[in-house]
N, C-alpha and C. Protein backbone atom coordinates (compact mmCIF):
# COMPACT_ATOMS: atom_id res chain seq x y z
N UNK A 1 0.77 -1.34 0.01
CA UNK A 1 0.08 0.04 -0.08
C UNK A 1 1.02 1.26 0.06
N UNK A 2 1.83 1.22 0.75
CA UNK A 2 2.79 2.32 0.93
C UNK A 2 3.50 2.74 -0.47
N UNK A 3 3.96 1.41 -1.07
CA UNK A 3 4.68 1.47 -2.27
C UNK A 3 3.92 2.18 -3.42
N UNK A 4 2.63 1.78 -3.36
CA UNK A 4 1.70 2.40 -4.46
C UNK A 4 1.41 3.83 -4.03
N UNK A 5 1.25 4.21 -2.83
CA UNK A 5 1.12 5.53 -2.70
C UNK A 5 2.41 6.36 -3.04
N UNK A 6 3.62 5.93 -2.74
CA UNK A 6 4.70 6.43 -3.07
C UNK A 6 4.72 6.59 -4.66
N UNK A 7 4.56 5.60 -5.46
CA UNK A 7 4.50 5.76 -6.97
C UNK A 7 3.50 6.88 -7.45
N UNK A 8 2.33 6.85 -6.59
CA UNK A 8 1.35 7.84 -7.19
C UNK A 8 1.98 9.30 -6.90
N UNK A 9 2.47 9.47 -5.67
CA UNK A 9 3.04 10.83 -5.36
C UNK A 9 4.43 11.11 -6.37
N UNK A 10 5.06 10.21 -6.84
CA UNK A 10 6.21 10.33 -7.79
C UNK A 10 5.43 10.54 -9.08
N UNK A 11 4.38 10.08 -9.42
CA UNK A 11 3.90 10.37 -10.77
C UNK A 11 3.29 11.81 -10.65
N UNK A 12 2.57 12.15 -9.78
CA UNK A 12 2.12 13.50 -9.61
C UNK A 12 3.28 14.52 -9.63
N UNK A 13 4.29 14.18 -8.93
CA UNK A 13 5.53 14.91 -9.00
C UNK A 13 6.09 15.19 -10.39
N UNK A 14 5.91 14.03 -11.18
CA UNK A 14 6.55 14.14 -12.73
C UNK A 14 5.66 15.20 -13.27
N UNK A 15 4.38 15.30 -13.20
CA UNK A 15 3.64 16.17 -13.79
C UNK A 15 3.97 17.67 -13.36
N UNK A 16 4.12 17.85 -12.07
CA UNK A 16 4.38 19.04 -11.37
C UNK A 16 5.85 19.62 -11.87
N UNK A 17 6.74 18.76 -12.11
CA UNK A 17 8.02 19.11 -12.75
C UNK A 17 7.98 19.37 -14.09
N UNK A 18 7.07 18.87 -14.92
CA UNK A 18 6.81 19.00 -16.29
C UNK A 18 6.20 20.44 -16.45
N UNK A 19 5.31 20.84 -15.43
CA UNK A 19 4.73 22.25 -15.34
C UNK A 19 5.69 23.26 -15.15
N UNK A 20 6.42 23.19 -14.10
CA UNK A 20 7.51 23.94 -13.84
C UNK A 20 8.42 24.06 -14.77
N UNK A 21 9.17 22.97 -15.50
CA UNK A 21 10.00 23.14 -16.52
C UNK A 21 9.51 23.94 -17.68
N UNK A 22 8.32 23.63 -18.12
CA UNK A 22 7.81 24.16 -19.52
C UNK A 22 7.36 25.66 -19.16
N UNK A 23 6.62 25.79 -18.10
CA UNK A 23 5.92 27.00 -17.86
C UNK A 23 6.73 28.05 -17.10
N UNK A 24 6.98 27.68 -15.75
CA UNK A 24 7.39 28.50 -14.75
C UNK A 24 8.85 28.78 -15.20
N UNK A 25 9.88 28.11 -15.49
CA UNK A 25 11.13 28.34 -15.75
C UNK A 25 11.48 28.85 -17.20
N UNK A 26 10.31 28.92 -18.11
CA UNK A 26 10.58 29.80 -19.13
C UNK A 26 10.61 31.20 -18.97
N UNK A 27 10.13 31.69 -17.67
CA UNK A 27 10.15 33.15 -17.33
C UNK A 27 11.37 33.48 -16.62
N UNK A 28 12.13 32.51 -16.26
CA UNK A 28 13.36 32.62 -15.53
C UNK A 28 14.51 31.93 -16.16
N UNK A 29 14.71 32.28 -17.42
CA UNK A 29 15.79 31.63 -18.23
C UNK A 29 17.21 32.38 -17.92
N UNK A 30 18.31 31.80 -18.02
CA UNK A 30 19.56 32.47 -17.94
C UNK A 30 20.08 32.22 -19.55
N UNK A 31 20.32 33.27 -20.03
CA UNK A 31 20.67 33.47 -21.53
C UNK A 31 19.91 32.48 -22.42
N UNK A 32 18.48 32.40 -22.04
CA UNK A 32 17.60 31.66 -22.73
C UNK A 32 17.69 30.18 -22.42
N UNK A 33 18.32 29.75 -21.46
CA UNK A 33 18.54 28.21 -21.01
C UNK A 33 17.76 27.95 -19.66
N UNK A 34 17.01 26.81 -19.68
CA UNK A 34 16.37 26.43 -18.57
C UNK A 34 16.82 25.33 -17.84
N UNK A 35 16.78 25.20 -16.67
CA UNK A 35 17.20 24.14 -15.88
C UNK A 35 16.65 22.83 -16.35
N UNK A 36 17.26 21.61 -16.13
CA UNK A 36 16.51 20.29 -16.58
C UNK A 36 16.36 19.81 -15.13
N UNK A 37 14.93 19.80 -14.80
CA UNK A 37 14.51 19.34 -13.43
C UNK A 37 14.53 17.84 -13.65
N UNK A 38 14.35 17.24 -14.66
CA UNK A 38 14.05 15.74 -14.77
C UNK A 38 15.29 15.11 -14.60
N UNK A 39 16.55 15.65 -14.86
CA UNK A 39 17.80 15.05 -14.50
C UNK A 39 18.02 14.98 -12.98
N UNK A 40 17.65 16.00 -12.20
CA UNK A 40 17.75 16.01 -10.82
C UNK A 40 16.76 14.86 -10.36
N UNK A 41 15.59 15.06 -10.97
CA UNK A 41 14.46 14.05 -10.46
C UNK A 41 14.70 12.66 -10.37
N UNK A 42 15.29 12.23 -11.60
CA UNK A 42 15.66 10.92 -11.94
C UNK A 42 16.78 10.34 -10.96
N UNK A 43 17.87 11.23 -10.87
CA UNK A 43 19.04 11.03 -10.03
C UNK A 43 18.59 10.77 -8.63
N UNK A 44 17.67 11.31 -8.10
CA UNK A 44 17.40 11.33 -6.87
C UNK A 44 16.31 9.94 -6.52
N UNK A 45 15.58 9.67 -7.69
CA UNK A 45 14.87 8.45 -7.61
C UNK A 45 15.72 7.19 -7.82
N UNK A 46 16.64 7.32 -8.60
CA UNK A 46 17.75 6.12 -8.55
C UNK A 46 18.52 6.14 -7.35
N UNK A 47 18.79 7.22 -6.61
CA UNK A 47 19.63 7.01 -5.55
C UNK A 47 18.92 6.36 -4.31
N UNK A 48 17.57 6.81 -4.17
CA UNK A 48 16.78 6.50 -2.82
C UNK A 48 16.04 5.30 -3.21
N UNK A 49 15.52 4.99 -4.36
CA UNK A 49 14.60 3.99 -4.79
C UNK A 49 15.29 2.60 -5.03
N UNK A 50 14.66 1.56 -5.37
CA UNK A 50 15.41 0.27 -5.58
C UNK A 50 16.02 0.44 -6.90
N UNK A 51 16.73 -0.88 -7.32
CA UNK A 51 17.62 -0.64 -8.46
C UNK A 51 16.93 -0.29 -9.81
N UNK A 52 15.64 -0.84 -10.06
CA UNK A 52 15.16 -0.65 -11.36
C UNK A 52 14.38 0.63 -11.29
N UNK A 53 14.06 1.31 -10.29
CA UNK A 53 13.00 2.44 -10.25
C UNK A 53 13.59 3.61 -11.14
N UNK A 54 15.03 3.96 -10.74
CA UNK A 54 15.58 5.12 -11.65
C UNK A 54 15.57 4.82 -13.09
N UNK A 55 15.72 3.61 -13.60
CA UNK A 55 15.71 3.36 -15.03
C UNK A 55 14.33 3.45 -15.54
N UNK A 56 13.37 2.99 -14.78
CA UNK A 56 12.13 2.72 -15.39
C UNK A 56 11.50 4.35 -15.35
N UNK A 57 11.70 5.07 -14.11
CA UNK A 57 11.09 6.43 -14.14
C UNK A 57 11.84 7.24 -15.23
N UNK A 58 13.16 6.92 -15.49
CA UNK A 58 13.85 7.75 -16.36
C UNK A 58 13.32 7.45 -17.89
N UNK A 59 13.14 6.22 -18.29
CA UNK A 59 12.63 5.85 -19.46
C UNK A 59 11.18 6.39 -19.78
N UNK A 60 10.42 6.36 -18.78
CA UNK A 60 8.81 6.85 -18.86
C UNK A 60 8.87 8.28 -19.06
N UNK A 61 9.71 9.03 -18.10
CA UNK A 61 9.84 10.32 -18.06
C UNK A 61 10.35 10.90 -19.44
N UNK A 62 11.43 10.25 -19.96
CA UNK A 62 12.04 10.75 -21.16
C UNK A 62 11.01 10.41 -22.28
N UNK A 63 10.32 9.47 -22.32
CA UNK A 63 9.42 9.11 -23.34
C UNK A 63 8.29 10.28 -23.37
N UNK A 64 7.81 10.45 -22.27
CA UNK A 64 6.82 11.60 -22.16
C UNK A 64 7.24 13.13 -22.54
N UNK A 65 8.48 13.28 -22.35
CA UNK A 65 9.14 14.55 -22.68
C UNK A 65 9.23 14.52 -24.22
N UNK A 66 9.71 13.51 -24.56
CA UNK A 66 9.95 13.22 -26.28
C UNK A 66 8.56 13.49 -26.94
N UNK A 67 7.46 12.84 -26.47
CA UNK A 67 6.30 12.88 -27.05
C UNK A 67 5.60 14.23 -27.05
N UNK A 68 5.79 15.03 -25.89
CA UNK A 68 5.16 16.21 -25.71
C UNK A 68 5.88 17.21 -26.20
N UNK A 69 7.40 17.49 -25.98
CA UNK A 69 8.02 18.47 -26.17
C UNK A 69 8.91 18.34 -27.56
N UNK A 70 9.49 17.41 -27.54
CA UNK A 70 10.45 17.28 -28.62
C UNK A 70 9.74 16.78 -29.84
N UNK A 71 10.18 16.83 -31.01
CA UNK A 71 9.84 16.24 -32.21
C UNK A 71 10.48 14.88 -32.57
N UNK A 72 11.55 14.64 -31.89
CA UNK A 72 12.34 13.50 -32.06
C UNK A 72 12.33 12.54 -30.93
N UNK A 73 11.65 11.39 -30.98
CA UNK A 73 11.35 10.46 -29.99
C UNK A 73 12.66 9.73 -29.63
N UNK A 74 12.89 9.61 -28.57
CA UNK A 74 14.20 8.72 -28.02
C UNK A 74 15.29 9.34 -27.43
N UNK A 75 15.44 10.59 -27.71
CA UNK A 75 16.70 11.25 -27.19
C UNK A 75 16.64 11.52 -25.60
N UNK A 76 15.54 12.07 -25.13
CA UNK A 76 15.25 12.27 -23.68
C UNK A 76 15.24 10.69 -22.87
N UNK A 77 14.55 9.90 -23.60
CA UNK A 77 14.25 8.70 -23.06
C UNK A 77 15.53 7.85 -22.84
N UNK A 78 16.58 7.89 -23.79
CA UNK A 78 18.00 7.34 -23.63
C UNK A 78 18.64 7.82 -22.57
N UNK A 79 18.66 9.29 -22.69
CA UNK A 79 19.54 10.14 -21.70
C UNK A 79 18.83 9.84 -20.19
N UNK A 80 17.69 10.03 -19.96
CA UNK A 80 17.27 9.74 -18.62
C UNK A 80 17.30 8.43 -17.97
N UNK A 81 16.98 7.40 -19.04
CA UNK A 81 17.31 5.96 -18.55
C UNK A 81 18.80 5.82 -18.14
N UNK A 82 19.85 6.28 -18.92
CA UNK A 82 21.24 6.33 -18.58
C UNK A 82 21.39 7.00 -17.37
N UNK A 83 20.80 8.17 -16.90
CA UNK A 83 20.99 8.80 -15.69
C UNK A 83 20.35 7.83 -14.48
N UNK A 84 19.30 7.19 -14.84
CA UNK A 84 18.79 6.27 -14.07
C UNK A 84 19.94 5.10 -13.45
N UNK A 85 20.50 4.61 -14.65
CA UNK A 85 21.72 3.50 -14.31
C UNK A 85 22.88 4.16 -13.60
N UNK A 86 23.18 5.32 -13.94
CA UNK A 86 24.34 6.09 -13.38
C UNK A 86 24.05 6.29 -11.91
N UNK A 87 22.91 6.60 -11.55
CA UNK A 87 22.52 6.85 -10.16
C UNK A 87 22.42 5.63 -9.30
N UNK A 88 22.20 4.29 -9.99
CA UNK A 88 22.43 3.25 -9.22
C UNK A 88 23.97 3.00 -8.75
N UNK A 89 24.73 3.32 -9.71
CA UNK A 89 26.09 3.28 -9.56
C UNK A 89 26.66 4.25 -8.34
N UNK A 90 26.04 5.43 -8.52
CA UNK A 90 26.34 6.53 -7.46
C UNK A 90 25.70 6.07 -5.96
N UNK A 91 24.79 5.42 -5.86
CA UNK A 91 24.15 4.89 -4.63
C UNK A 91 25.12 3.81 -4.13
N UNK A 92 25.81 2.96 -4.76
CA UNK A 92 26.59 2.02 -4.33
C UNK A 92 28.05 2.55 -3.95
N UNK A 93 28.35 3.55 -4.48
CA UNK A 93 29.82 4.07 -4.29
C UNK A 93 29.89 5.31 -3.48
N UNK A 94 28.96 5.96 -3.29
CA UNK A 94 28.99 7.35 -2.67
C UNK A 94 27.99 7.55 -1.53
N UNK A 95 28.17 8.52 -0.61
CA UNK A 95 27.20 8.75 0.40
C UNK A 95 26.22 9.87 -0.01
N UNK A 96 25.01 9.61 0.37
CA UNK A 96 23.98 10.52 -0.04
C UNK A 96 23.62 11.67 1.12
N UNK A 97 24.47 11.51 2.09
CA UNK A 97 24.39 12.45 3.22
C UNK A 97 25.01 13.84 2.84
N UNK A 98 26.24 13.88 2.14
CA UNK A 98 26.97 15.04 1.79
C UNK A 98 26.23 15.87 0.81
N UNK A 99 25.86 17.12 1.10
CA UNK A 99 25.53 18.05 0.21
C UNK A 99 26.46 18.31 -1.07
N UNK A 100 27.76 18.31 -0.93
CA UNK A 100 28.73 18.41 -1.82
C UNK A 100 28.59 17.39 -2.82
N UNK A 101 28.58 16.08 -2.27
CA UNK A 101 28.55 14.77 -3.08
C UNK A 101 27.43 15.00 -4.03
N UNK A 102 26.33 15.38 -3.39
CA UNK A 102 25.02 15.34 -4.11
C UNK A 102 25.07 16.37 -5.39
N UNK A 103 25.73 17.46 -5.07
CA UNK A 103 26.02 18.61 -5.97
C UNK A 103 26.98 17.99 -7.09
N UNK A 104 27.97 17.22 -6.65
CA UNK A 104 28.87 16.72 -7.78
C UNK A 104 28.14 15.49 -8.65
N UNK A 105 27.27 14.85 -8.12
CA UNK A 105 26.31 13.97 -8.74
C UNK A 105 25.60 14.55 -9.76
N UNK A 106 24.90 15.75 -9.33
CA UNK A 106 24.05 16.57 -10.13
C UNK A 106 24.89 17.30 -11.42
N UNK A 107 26.04 17.50 -11.00
CA UNK A 107 26.79 18.30 -11.97
C UNK A 107 27.32 17.22 -12.97
N UNK A 108 27.85 16.00 -12.56
CA UNK A 108 28.25 15.08 -13.35
C UNK A 108 26.88 14.39 -14.42
N UNK A 109 25.74 14.22 -13.98
CA UNK A 109 24.76 13.68 -14.61
C UNK A 109 24.21 14.68 -15.72
N UNK A 110 24.24 15.94 -15.08
CA UNK A 110 23.92 16.86 -16.00
C UNK A 110 24.68 16.93 -17.38
N UNK A 111 26.09 16.94 -17.09
CA UNK A 111 26.90 16.93 -18.29
C UNK A 111 26.67 15.57 -19.10
N UNK A 112 26.59 14.49 -18.52
CA UNK A 112 26.26 13.37 -19.07
C UNK A 112 25.09 13.42 -20.10
N UNK A 113 24.05 13.60 -19.44
CA UNK A 113 22.80 13.87 -20.16
C UNK A 113 23.00 14.72 -21.41
N UNK A 114 23.39 16.05 -21.26
CA UNK A 114 23.62 16.93 -22.35
C UNK A 114 24.61 16.13 -23.41
N UNK A 115 25.59 15.65 -23.06
CA UNK A 115 26.70 15.10 -24.07
C UNK A 115 26.18 14.20 -24.70
N UNK A 116 25.32 13.07 -24.16
CA UNK A 116 24.60 12.10 -24.81
C UNK A 116 23.59 12.54 -25.65
N UNK A 117 22.89 13.49 -25.29
CA UNK A 117 21.69 14.15 -26.25
C UNK A 117 22.20 14.85 -27.50
N UNK A 118 23.43 15.27 -27.28
CA UNK A 118 24.03 16.14 -28.39
C UNK A 118 24.65 15.14 -29.23
N UNK A 119 25.37 14.13 -28.85
CA UNK A 119 25.91 12.85 -29.64
C UNK A 119 24.60 12.21 -30.33
N UNK A 120 23.63 12.10 -29.76
CA UNK A 120 22.60 11.29 -30.28
C UNK A 120 21.87 12.19 -31.41
N UNK A 121 21.84 13.49 -31.21
CA UNK A 121 21.21 14.45 -32.09
C UNK A 121 22.24 14.45 -33.44
N UNK A 122 23.65 14.41 -33.15
CA UNK A 122 24.39 14.38 -34.24
C UNK A 122 24.55 13.11 -35.02
N UNK A 123 24.50 12.03 -34.44
CA UNK A 123 24.59 10.63 -35.04
C UNK A 123 23.25 10.45 -35.77
N UNK A 124 22.11 10.68 -35.18
CA UNK A 124 21.02 10.18 -35.87
C UNK A 124 20.33 11.26 -36.80
N UNK A 125 20.53 12.58 -36.43
CA UNK A 125 19.87 13.64 -37.36
C UNK A 125 20.64 14.54 -37.93
N UNK A 126 22.06 14.22 -37.88
CA UNK A 126 23.12 15.09 -38.65
C UNK A 126 22.86 16.60 -38.31
N UNK A 127 22.72 16.95 -37.17
CA UNK A 127 22.55 18.25 -36.73
C UNK A 127 23.99 18.80 -36.56
N UNK A 128 24.29 19.96 -36.75
CA UNK A 128 25.33 20.63 -36.72
C UNK A 128 25.58 20.94 -35.25
N UNK A 129 26.54 20.76 -34.76
CA UNK A 129 26.77 21.22 -33.30
C UNK A 129 27.81 22.38 -33.45
N UNK A 130 27.60 23.44 -32.75
CA UNK A 130 28.49 24.44 -32.38
C UNK A 130 29.14 24.32 -31.10
N UNK A 131 30.32 24.04 -30.97
CA UNK A 131 30.96 23.62 -29.69
C UNK A 131 30.95 25.05 -28.60
N UNK A 132 31.02 25.97 -29.07
CA UNK A 132 30.93 27.13 -28.14
C UNK A 132 29.45 27.38 -27.67
N UNK A 133 28.68 27.13 -28.51
CA UNK A 133 27.21 27.20 -27.97
C UNK A 133 27.07 25.99 -26.99
N UNK A 134 27.39 24.95 -27.42
CA UNK A 134 27.20 23.62 -26.53
C UNK A 134 27.64 23.97 -25.23
N UNK A 135 29.05 24.35 -25.14
CA UNK A 135 29.64 24.52 -23.80
C UNK A 135 28.73 25.67 -22.86
N UNK A 136 28.51 26.74 -23.75
CA UNK A 136 27.73 27.97 -23.01
C UNK A 136 26.39 27.12 -22.21
N UNK A 137 25.58 26.35 -23.33
CA UNK A 137 24.40 25.80 -22.63
C UNK A 137 24.72 24.92 -21.54
N UNK A 138 25.83 24.05 -21.69
CA UNK A 138 26.24 22.97 -20.60
C UNK A 138 26.57 23.92 -19.44
N UNK A 139 27.45 24.88 -19.37
CA UNK A 139 27.68 25.57 -18.20
C UNK A 139 26.67 26.07 -17.52
N UNK A 140 25.96 26.93 -18.27
CA UNK A 140 24.57 27.61 -17.58
C UNK A 140 23.51 26.39 -16.91
N UNK A 141 23.51 25.40 -17.84
CA UNK A 141 22.51 24.31 -17.37
C UNK A 141 23.00 23.79 -16.16
N UNK A 142 24.32 23.45 -15.96
CA UNK A 142 24.88 22.74 -14.92
C UNK A 142 24.90 23.60 -13.78
N UNK A 143 25.18 24.81 -13.74
CA UNK A 143 25.03 25.92 -12.63
C UNK A 143 23.45 25.94 -12.13
N UNK A 144 22.83 26.08 -13.07
CA UNK A 144 21.22 26.14 -12.74
C UNK A 144 20.77 25.05 -11.94
N UNK A 145 21.06 23.72 -12.47
CA UNK A 145 20.88 22.39 -11.75
C UNK A 145 21.30 22.48 -10.33
N UNK A 146 22.68 22.80 -10.11
CA UNK A 146 23.25 22.71 -9.01
C UNK A 146 22.63 23.60 -7.97
N UNK A 147 22.28 24.88 -8.44
CA UNK A 147 21.70 25.87 -7.52
C UNK A 147 20.21 25.25 -7.03
N UNK A 148 19.61 24.74 -8.02
CA UNK A 148 18.37 24.28 -7.59
C UNK A 148 18.34 23.09 -6.62
N UNK A 149 19.40 22.21 -7.02
CA UNK A 149 19.51 21.03 -6.00
C UNK A 149 20.01 21.67 -4.59
N UNK A 150 20.71 22.80 -4.43
CA UNK A 150 21.15 23.27 -3.18
C UNK A 150 20.15 23.64 -2.35
N UNK A 151 18.99 24.30 -3.18
CA UNK A 151 17.90 24.81 -2.53
C UNK A 151 16.79 23.93 -2.14
N UNK A 152 16.71 22.73 -2.86
CA UNK A 152 15.70 21.82 -2.39
C UNK A 152 16.15 20.48 -1.92
N UNK A 153 17.57 20.47 -1.68
CA UNK A 153 17.96 19.25 -1.00
C UNK A 153 17.47 18.81 0.36
N UNK A 154 17.27 19.66 1.05
CA UNK A 154 16.59 19.18 2.45
C UNK A 154 15.23 18.40 2.34
N UNK A 155 14.46 19.06 1.56
CA UNK A 155 13.14 18.37 1.35
C UNK A 155 13.38 16.98 0.61
N UNK A 156 14.29 16.88 -0.46
CA UNK A 156 14.43 15.74 -1.17
C UNK A 156 15.09 14.66 -0.33
N UNK A 157 15.95 15.13 0.43
CA UNK A 157 16.74 14.25 1.38
C UNK A 157 15.52 13.54 2.25
N UNK A 158 14.78 14.13 2.84
CA UNK A 158 13.80 13.70 3.73
C UNK A 158 12.78 12.88 3.06
N UNK A 159 12.39 13.13 1.98
CA UNK A 159 11.36 12.28 1.21
C UNK A 159 12.18 11.17 0.60
N UNK A 160 13.39 11.32 0.26
CA UNK A 160 14.12 10.30 -0.18
C UNK A 160 14.43 9.07 0.72
N UNK A 161 14.85 9.48 2.07
CA UNK A 161 15.10 8.53 2.94
C UNK A 161 13.85 7.72 3.34
N UNK A 162 12.68 8.51 3.23
CA UNK A 162 11.25 7.64 3.39
C UNK A 162 11.09 6.62 2.38
N UNK A 163 11.27 7.05 1.02
CA UNK A 163 11.10 6.14 -0.03
C UNK A 163 12.29 4.95 -0.08
N UNK A 164 13.58 5.26 0.52
CA UNK A 164 14.58 4.34 0.59
C UNK A 164 14.18 3.36 1.74
N UNK A 165 13.72 3.78 2.95
CA UNK A 165 13.31 2.80 3.92
C UNK A 165 12.04 1.90 3.42
N UNK A 166 11.18 2.48 2.46
CA UNK A 166 10.17 1.60 2.16
C UNK A 166 10.56 0.41 1.13
N UNK A 167 11.49 0.89 0.17
CA UNK A 167 11.81 0.09 -0.83
C UNK A 167 13.03 -0.90 -0.65
N UNK A 168 13.91 -0.27 0.32
CA UNK A 168 15.23 -1.08 0.51
C UNK A 168 15.08 -1.64 1.74
N UNK A 169 14.51 -1.09 2.82
CA UNK A 169 14.34 -1.63 4.18
C UNK A 169 15.76 -1.04 4.86
N UNK A 170 15.79 -1.73 5.92
CA UNK A 170 17.13 -1.45 6.68
C UNK A 170 18.02 -2.47 6.52
N UNK A 171 18.81 -2.69 5.40
CA UNK A 171 19.80 -3.63 5.10
C UNK A 171 21.10 -3.02 4.98
N UNK A 172 21.53 -2.53 6.09
CA UNK A 172 22.90 -1.80 6.05
C UNK A 172 24.17 -2.80 5.74
N UNK A 173 23.88 -4.07 6.60
CA UNK A 173 25.00 -4.90 6.43
C UNK A 173 25.15 -5.58 5.16
N UNK A 174 24.00 -6.03 4.50
CA UNK A 174 24.05 -6.67 3.26
C UNK A 174 24.53 -5.65 2.01
N UNK A 175 24.68 -4.50 2.46
CA UNK A 175 25.22 -3.48 1.29
C UNK A 175 26.83 -3.87 1.26
N UNK A 176 27.51 -4.22 2.36
CA UNK A 176 28.86 -4.28 2.26
C UNK A 176 29.39 -5.83 2.10
N UNK A 177 28.30 -6.62 2.04
CA UNK A 177 28.85 -8.10 1.96
C UNK A 177 28.42 -8.80 0.79
């Protein structure tokens, strides 16, 4: 019952994030660049949920974004599913208690997502990539995502540990053996 309620709340959160990213942050752009809230969301689901949660939510959110926003299907789906896989690796190797570690995770996953999406755009759709424009977009989006993570980290940490207790239980010793 609790897991179903958690998934319903996470699904509602997806729609709230979609509204924020498409409508709210279009007013608060920096050099025309918006943050990517879904990278942060999928990272935290992968860190605090079970092994497959980050990948499933990443693929579904990416497909939703591709169908609604983008004209090319698959780019966000592949990128966000990859973020879900990377967050599983981060969960095994790094602590979620340190704000600095979380900021570095957000920084690295944002860079990975943008690089993967640009490579897929280049390979599949032969889109010319201007390196300086790409670096500008990358720097601004990374800083934007890190600032947002700093602001909302306490809330996400509290909710994340609740999700982790429900999905993973208290298996501290089994993590190391």
